[in-house]
Protein backbone atom coordinates (compact mmCIF):
# COMPACT_ATOMS: atom_id res chain seq x y z
CA UNK A 1 109.44 23.90 118.29
CA UNK A 2 110.82 25.58 121.47
CA UNK A 3 109.13 24.39 124.91
CA UNK A 4 107.68 27.80 125.69
CA UNK A 5 106.42 28.67 122.05
CA UNK A 6 102.76 27.47 122.27
CA UNK A 7 100.16 25.96 120.19
CA UNK A 8 97.44 28.70 121.60
CA UNK A 9 93.86 28.60 120.38
CA UNK A 10 94.66 32.05 118.74
CA UNK A 11 97.79 31.81 116.84
CA UNK A 12 100.09 35.18 117.15
CA UNK A 13 103.38 35.69 115.27
CA UNK A 14 105.74 38.05 117.20
CA UNK A 15 107.17 40.25 114.42
CA UNK A 16 110.62 42.27 115.36
CA UNK A 17 112.10 45.19 113.75
CA UNK A 18 115.86 45.95 113.71
CA UNK A 19 118.24 48.20 112.13
CA UNK A 20 121.88 46.57 113.08
CA UNK A 21 120.47 46.03 116.88
CA UNK A 22 121.53 42.76 117.60
CA UNK A 23 121.66 42.97 121.37
CA UNK A 24 118.57 44.79 121.67
CA UNK A 25 116.91 41.87 119.66
CA UNK A 26 118.51 39.37 121.63
CA UNK A 27 117.04 40.82 125.00
CA UNK A 28 113.64 40.42 123.61
CA UNK A 29 114.16 36.97 122.51
CA UNK A 30 115.80 36.28 125.86
CA UNK A 31 112.74 37.54 127.42
CA UNK A 32 110.52 35.18 125.49
CA UNK A 33 112.70 31.93 125.88
CA UNK A 34 113.14 32.19 129.60
CA UNK A 35 109.72 32.79 130.20
CA UNK A 36 107.63 30.09 131.72
CA UNK A 37 105.16 30.33 128.64
CA UNK A 38 104.89 32.59 125.54
CA UNK A 39 101.78 33.84 123.86
CA UNK A 40 103.69 33.29 120.38
CA UNK A 41 103.76 30.37 117.99
CA UNK A 42 106.13 31.85 115.66
CA UNK A 43 108.66 34.55 115.74
CA UNK A 44 110.20 36.80 112.97
CA UNK A 45 112.79 39.33 112.78
CA UNK A 46 113.30 41.53 109.97
CA UNK A 47 116.74 43.57 109.76
CA UNK A 48 118.16 46.31 107.49
CA UNK A 49 121.78 45.98 106.63
CA UNK A 50 122.40 43.64 109.36
CA UNK A 51 125.87 42.86 111.01
CA UNK A 52 125.87 39.09 110.05
CA UNK A 53 126.06 38.32 114.03
CA UNK A 54 122.33 37.36 114.12
CA UNK A 55 122.31 34.02 112.51
CA UNK A 56 125.54 32.74 114.56
CA UNK A 57 123.74 34.06 117.65
CA UNK A 58 120.51 32.07 117.08
CA UNK A 59 122.54 29.15 116.18
CA UNK A 60 124.75 29.49 119.37
CA UNK A 61 121.47 29.79 121.62
CA UNK A 62 119.63 27.18 120.13
CA UNK A 63 116.76 29.58 119.16
CA UNK A 64 116.07 27.63 115.60
CA UNK A 65 112.29 28.55 115.57
CA UNK A 66 113.31 32.25 115.21
CA UNK A 67 112.75 33.12 111.38
CA UNK A 68 115.69 35.89 110.76
CA UNK A 69 115.29 38.01 107.36
CA UNK A 70 118.24 40.39 106.48
CA UNK A 71 118.10 43.04 103.65
CA UNK A 72 121.10 44.17 101.99
CA UNK A 73 119.28 47.67 101.73
CA UNK A 74 117.58 50.15 104.50
CA UNK A 75 113.86 49.16 104.63
CA UNK A 76 112.87 52.10 106.62
CA UNK A 77 110.35 51.92 109.16
CA UNK A 78 107.74 51.88 106.76
CA UNK A 79 109.18 48.95 104.84
CA UNK A 80 109.86 47.01 107.65
CA UNK A 81 106.70 47.06 108.90
CA UNK A 82 105.19 46.05 105.67
CA UNK A 83 107.58 43.20 105.28
CA UNK A 84 106.81 42.04 108.71
CA UNK A 85 103.20 41.92 108.46
CA UNK A 86 103.67 40.28 105.03
CA UNK A 87 105.72 37.37 106.32
CA UNK A 88 103.35 36.88 109.03
CA UNK A 89 100.61 36.85 106.72
CA UNK A 90 102.13 34.06 104.82
CA UNK A 91 102.00 31.60 108.10
CA UNK A 92 99.09 30.30 110.15
CA UNK A 93 98.85 33.25 112.47
CA UNK A 94 95.69 35.34 112.87
CA UNK A 95 97.52 38.27 114.50
CA UNK A 96 101.00 39.86 114.33
CA UNK A 97 102.12 41.65 117.72
CA UNK A 98 104.73 44.25 116.25
CA UNK A 99 107.55 45.65 118.17
CA UNK A 100 110.68 47.63 117.42
CA UNK A 101 114.01 46.42 118.77
CA UNK A 102 113.89 49.00 121.69
CA UNK A 103 110.38 47.76 123.04
CA UNK A 104 110.03 46.52 126.60
CA UNK A 105 108.13 43.46 126.03
CA UNK A 106 105.62 42.97 128.59
CA UNK A 107 104.04 39.28 127.98
CA UNK A 108 101.18 40.16 130.28
CA UNK A 109 100.22 43.04 127.97
CA UNK A 110 100.23 40.84 125.05
CA UNK A 111 98.19 38.18 126.65
CA UNK A 112 95.60 41.05 127.52
CA UNK A 113 95.38 42.14 123.89
CA UNK A 114 94.97 38.60 122.62
CA UNK A 115 91.97 37.99 125.00
CA UNK A 116 90.30 41.12 123.70
CA UNK A 117 90.91 40.30 119.91
CA UNK A 118 88.64 37.03 120.18
CA UNK A 119 85.56 38.95 120.74
CA UNK A 120 85.80 41.73 118.19
CA UNK A 121 84.44 41.23 114.82
CA UNK A 122 86.27 42.78 112.08
CA UNK A 123 89.16 43.79 113.93
CA UNK A 124 92.02 45.73 112.57
CA UNK A 125 94.22 46.24 115.40
CA UNK A 126 94.62 46.50 119.24
CA UNK A 127 97.05 48.93 120.73
CA UNK A 128 98.08 49.31 124.56
CA UNK A 129 97.64 52.34 126.40
CA UNK A 130 100.88 54.28 126.56
CA UNK A 131 102.07 56.23 129.22
CA UNK A 132 104.44 59.01 127.93
CA UNK A 133 107.02 59.32 130.50
CA UNK A 134 108.38 62.74 129.54
CA UNK A 135 105.00 64.21 129.23
CA UNK A 136 104.16 63.63 132.69
CA UNK A 137 102.97 60.31 132.32
CA UNK A 138 100.14 61.21 130.46
CA UNK A 139 97.91 58.53 128.52
CA UNK A 140 98.46 58.65 124.67
CA UNK A 141 94.96 58.96 123.49
CA UNK A 142 95.83 60.81 120.24
CA UNK A 143 94.25 58.26 118.08
CA UNK A 144 90.62 58.62 119.48
CA UNK A 145 90.46 61.50 116.60
CA UNK A 146 91.05 60.78 113.11
CA UNK A 147 92.39 64.19 112.79
CA UNK A 148 95.99 64.25 113.34
CA UNK A 149 96.16 66.74 116.24
CA UNK A 150 99.34 67.32 118.37
CA UNK A 151 99.71 65.39 121.44
CA UNK A 152 97.88 66.41 124.46
CA UNK A 153 97.24 63.13 126.11
CA UNK A 154 94.98 62.55 129.32
CA UNK A 155 95.87 62.18 133.00
CA UNK A 156 96.84 59.06 133.99
CA UNK A 157 93.89 58.92 136.64
CA UNK A 158 91.18 60.01 134.02
CA UNK A 159 88.40 57.10 133.40
CA UNK A 160 88.58 55.27 130.21
CA UNK A 161 86.49 52.78 128.66
CA UNK A 162 87.91 49.30 128.74
CA UNK A 163 88.20 49.36 124.72
CA UNK A 164 88.69 53.06 123.29
CA UNK A 165 87.92 53.16 119.79
CA UNK A 166 90.67 54.66 117.54
CA UNK A 167 91.67 55.50 114.09
CA UNK A 168 95.47 54.67 114.35
CA UNK A 169 98.24 54.33 117.22
CA UNK A 170 101.93 53.42 117.21
CA UNK A 171 102.88 50.24 115.64
CA UNK A 172 105.18 49.74 118.17
CA UNK A 173 103.53 47.11 120.45
CA UNK A 174 100.46 47.00 117.93
CA UNK A 175 98.38 43.60 117.91
CA UNK A 176 97.57 43.64 114.19
CA UNK A 177 94.87 41.43 112.46
CA UNK A 178 96.40 39.76 109.52
CA UNK A 179 93.06 39.17 107.67
CA UNK A 180 93.58 42.91 106.04
CA UNK A 181 96.69 41.97 105.04
CA UNK A 182 95.70 38.99 103.26
CA UNK A 183 93.09 41.26 101.52
CA UNK A 184 95.49 43.40 100.02
CA UNK A 185 95.74 46.13 102.72
CA UNK A 186 99.08 46.83 103.65
CA UNK A 187 101.38 49.51 104.93
CA UNK A 188 102.60 51.81 102.43
CA UNK A 189 106.49 50.70 102.04
CA UNK A 190 107.56 53.69 100.18
CA UNK A 191 106.81 55.99 103.10
CA UNK A 192 110.23 54.77 104.25
CA UNK A 193 109.95 56.53 107.54
CA UNK A 194 107.38 58.28 109.50
CA UNK A 195 103.51 58.30 109.98
CA UNK A 196 103.48 54.77 108.18
CA UNK A 197 101.16 53.67 111.39
CA UNK A 198 98.90 56.62 110.93
CA UNK A 199 98.31 55.90 107.19
CA UNK A 200 97.86 52.19 107.72
CA UNK A 201 95.13 52.87 110.50
CA UNK A 202 93.49 55.40 108.25
CA UNK A 203 93.51 52.55 105.43
CA UNK A 204 92.08 50.19 107.99
CA UNK A 205 89.57 52.63 108.94
CA UNK A 206 88.40 53.69 105.44
CA UNK A 207 87.69 49.80 104.71
CA UNK A 208 85.41 49.42 107.87
CA UNK A 209 88.32 47.72 110.17
CA UNK A 210 87.80 48.39 113.88
CA UNK A 211 90.84 49.64 116.17
CA UNK A 212 90.91 50.06 119.70
CA UNK A 213 93.18 51.06 122.70
CA UNK A 214 92.85 48.15 125.45
CA UNK A 215 93.17 50.92 128.43
CA UNK A 216 93.94 48.16 131.03
CA UNK A 217 96.89 47.11 128.87
CA UNK A 218 99.58 49.75 129.81
CA UNK A 219 103.15 50.39 128.61
CA UNK A 220 105.49 52.89 129.33
CA UNK A 221 107.09 54.79 126.55
CA UNK A 222 110.08 57.14 126.73
CA UNK A 223 109.54 59.04 123.47
CA UNK A 224 111.96 61.64 122.57
CA UNK A 225 110.41 64.86 124.16
CA UNK A 226 112.50 67.74 125.77
CA UNK A 227 112.02 71.07 126.95
CA UNK A 228 112.28 74.26 124.62
CA UNK A 229 112.35 77.77 125.67
CA UNK A 230 111.77 81.16 124.32
CA UNK A 231 111.80 83.64 126.81
CA UNK A 232 109.11 83.14 129.46
CA UNK A 233 107.61 80.37 127.16
CA UNK A 234 108.13 76.81 127.45
CA UNK A 235 107.14 74.01 125.49
CA UNK A 236 107.68 70.23 125.32
CA UNK A 237 108.37 69.39 121.76
CA UNK A 238 109.82 66.16 120.08
CA UNK A 239 113.23 65.84 119.56
CA UNK A 240 114.07 64.44 116.28
CA UNK A 241 116.96 65.03 114.03
CA UNK A 242 116.53 67.54 111.31
CA UNK A 243 116.06 65.32 108.49
CA UNK A 244 113.18 63.82 109.90
CA UNK A 245 111.32 66.95 109.31
CA UNK A 246 111.34 66.17 105.58
CA UNK A 247 109.40 62.91 106.08
CA UNK A 248 107.20 64.05 108.76
CA UNK A 249 105.62 66.74 106.51
CA UNK A 250 105.95 64.60 103.18
CA UNK A 251 104.34 61.64 104.45
CA UNK A 252 101.66 63.36 106.27
CA UNK A 253 100.69 64.67 102.95
CA UNK A 254 100.84 61.24 101.30
CA UNK A 255 98.83 59.46 103.97
CA UNK A 256 96.04 62.36 103.37
CA UNK A 257 95.80 61.86 99.69
CA UNK A 258 96.32 57.93 99.53
CA UNK A 259 93.55 57.56 102.14
CA UNK A 260 91.21 60.55 100.59
CA UNK A 261 90.57 62.25 103.56
CA UNK A 262 87.81 64.83 103.54
CA UNK A 263 88.51 68.50 103.12
CA UNK A 264 88.05 69.02 107.28
CA UNK A 265 91.13 66.59 107.70
CA UNK A 266 93.09 68.42 104.66
CA UNK A 267 92.58 71.46 106.63
CA UNK A 268 94.01 70.17 109.95
CA UNK A 269 96.80 68.64 108.27
CA UNK A 270 97.44 71.90 106.69
CA UNK A 271 97.31 73.79 109.98
CA UNK A 272 99.76 71.16 111.37
CA UNK A 273 102.14 72.04 108.70
CA UNK A 274 101.83 75.67 109.56
CA UNK A 275 102.31 74.78 113.16
CA UNK A 276 105.57 72.85 112.73
CA UNK A 277 106.76 75.83 110.43
CA UNK A 278 106.05 78.31 113.43
CA UNK A 279 107.59 75.87 116.14
CA UNK A 280 110.62 75.61 114.02
CA UNK A 281 111.13 79.50 113.45
CA UNK A 282 110.49 80.02 117.12
CA UNK A 283 111.82 76.93 119.22
CA UNK A 284 113.80 74.49 117.25
CA UNK A 285 117.49 74.23 116.84
CA UNK A 286 119.10 74.09 113.16
CA UNK A 287 116.43 76.04 111.77
CA UNK A 288 117.84 76.78 108.35
CA UNK A 289 118.28 73.05 107.88
CA UNK A 290 114.94 72.23 109.16
CA UNK A 291 113.21 74.70 107.13
CA UNK A 292 114.94 73.62 103.99
CA UNK A 293 113.86 70.13 104.81
CA UNK A 294 110.23 71.15 105.53
CA UNK A 295 109.97 72.90 102.24
CA UNK A 296 111.29 69.87 100.73
CA UNK A 297 108.95 67.56 102.06
CA UNK A 298 106.02 69.80 101.29
CA UNK A 299 106.86 70.06 97.77
CA UNK A 300 107.52 66.42 97.57
CA UNK A 301 104.34 65.44 99.48
CA UNK A 302 102.20 67.62 96.97
CA UNK A 303 103.78 66.14 94.18
CA UNK A 304 103.23 62.46 95.25
CA UNK A 305 106.94 61.63 95.29
CA UNK A 306 107.79 58.92 98.06
CA UNK A 307 110.66 56.77 98.95
CA UNK A 308 113.75 57.31 100.64
CA UNK A 309 115.09 60.96 100.19
CA UNK A 310 118.72 62.03 100.09
CA UNK A 311 118.71 62.10 104.11
CA UNK A 312 119.74 60.58 106.31
C-alpha cells in the first residue's frame, strides 16, 4: 500500500469516473499521492472506452494501489456511478467518495465529510456545500426540497445549519454510505445520463436513509450556465447540448415513477417539463432539435423506456 494511503478508523474508498480523460484523472491521483496523507484506503477508477494509456501510466508512476476498470462500451454517468459504488461495496470500505474526472479534489473537504459521517445513524450520503460560480457564488441548497425545483440558491453570506437536511445533491463530490448498496439499493444504471443522483437520493429517502449537506465543507462549482436574452429579459440558464434535453425529460419522469413520488411531486415534475418547453421556445438555441428531443424524452419517459438513446 502506498505510504500516504492510510488505514483510517473509517475506511473510505475514492471512486473516480472517467470517459477518456486520462490527464484529468492523473491530476486527481497526483494530488493524492503527493499529499502528506490521504483519507482514502483504496482508489478505484472506472473508465468508459478507455484510450489504453491509463494502465501504462499507473505502472510508470508506481501507483499500484489504484484499481483501474475499463469498459468497452460507454456506461454513461449513471452506469459509471452504479459500477463505482458496486466495486467500492465489494471492498472493506464503509463509504465511497465519488468524483468525476473534472473534480477539484480538496482533501480537507473530504476529511470534514468523513468526520461528520461517524456521528449520523442510518446515513445515506453527505454532500459538500457547492458555490455556483456562474450564479454569483450562490450556495446550492436545491436538494433541501424534495421537489425538483429550478435552481435559485441562497446568498453566500446566509446563515445555514451545520448539517442541512436534503433529499439529494450532486454525486460529484458526494460521500456515499455503502450500507444501502450492500442492501441492494443502487443507482439505476439504465438512466445512462441525467438525474441519476436525484433518483438515487429519492431512493435513499424512500428507504429512510438520511442525507445532509455539510455547510462548512465548501467547494466551487463552475457548472455550465450562460446568459440568455429575449428583448429586455435576461436569464441565466444551463448551457447543455441539445441531445441532453431528451435525457433530462425522460429521466425525470423515470425517477418520479420508480420512486413512486406522490401526486404533489408529480405535479411539480409536470410543471418543470412545461417550463423547459417554454424556455426552449423563448430562449434556447437549436429550438427545433431541442423540441424534438424533449417530446421524444417525454414519450419514452411516460412509456418507461430507458437506456442509451440514439444521441449522442
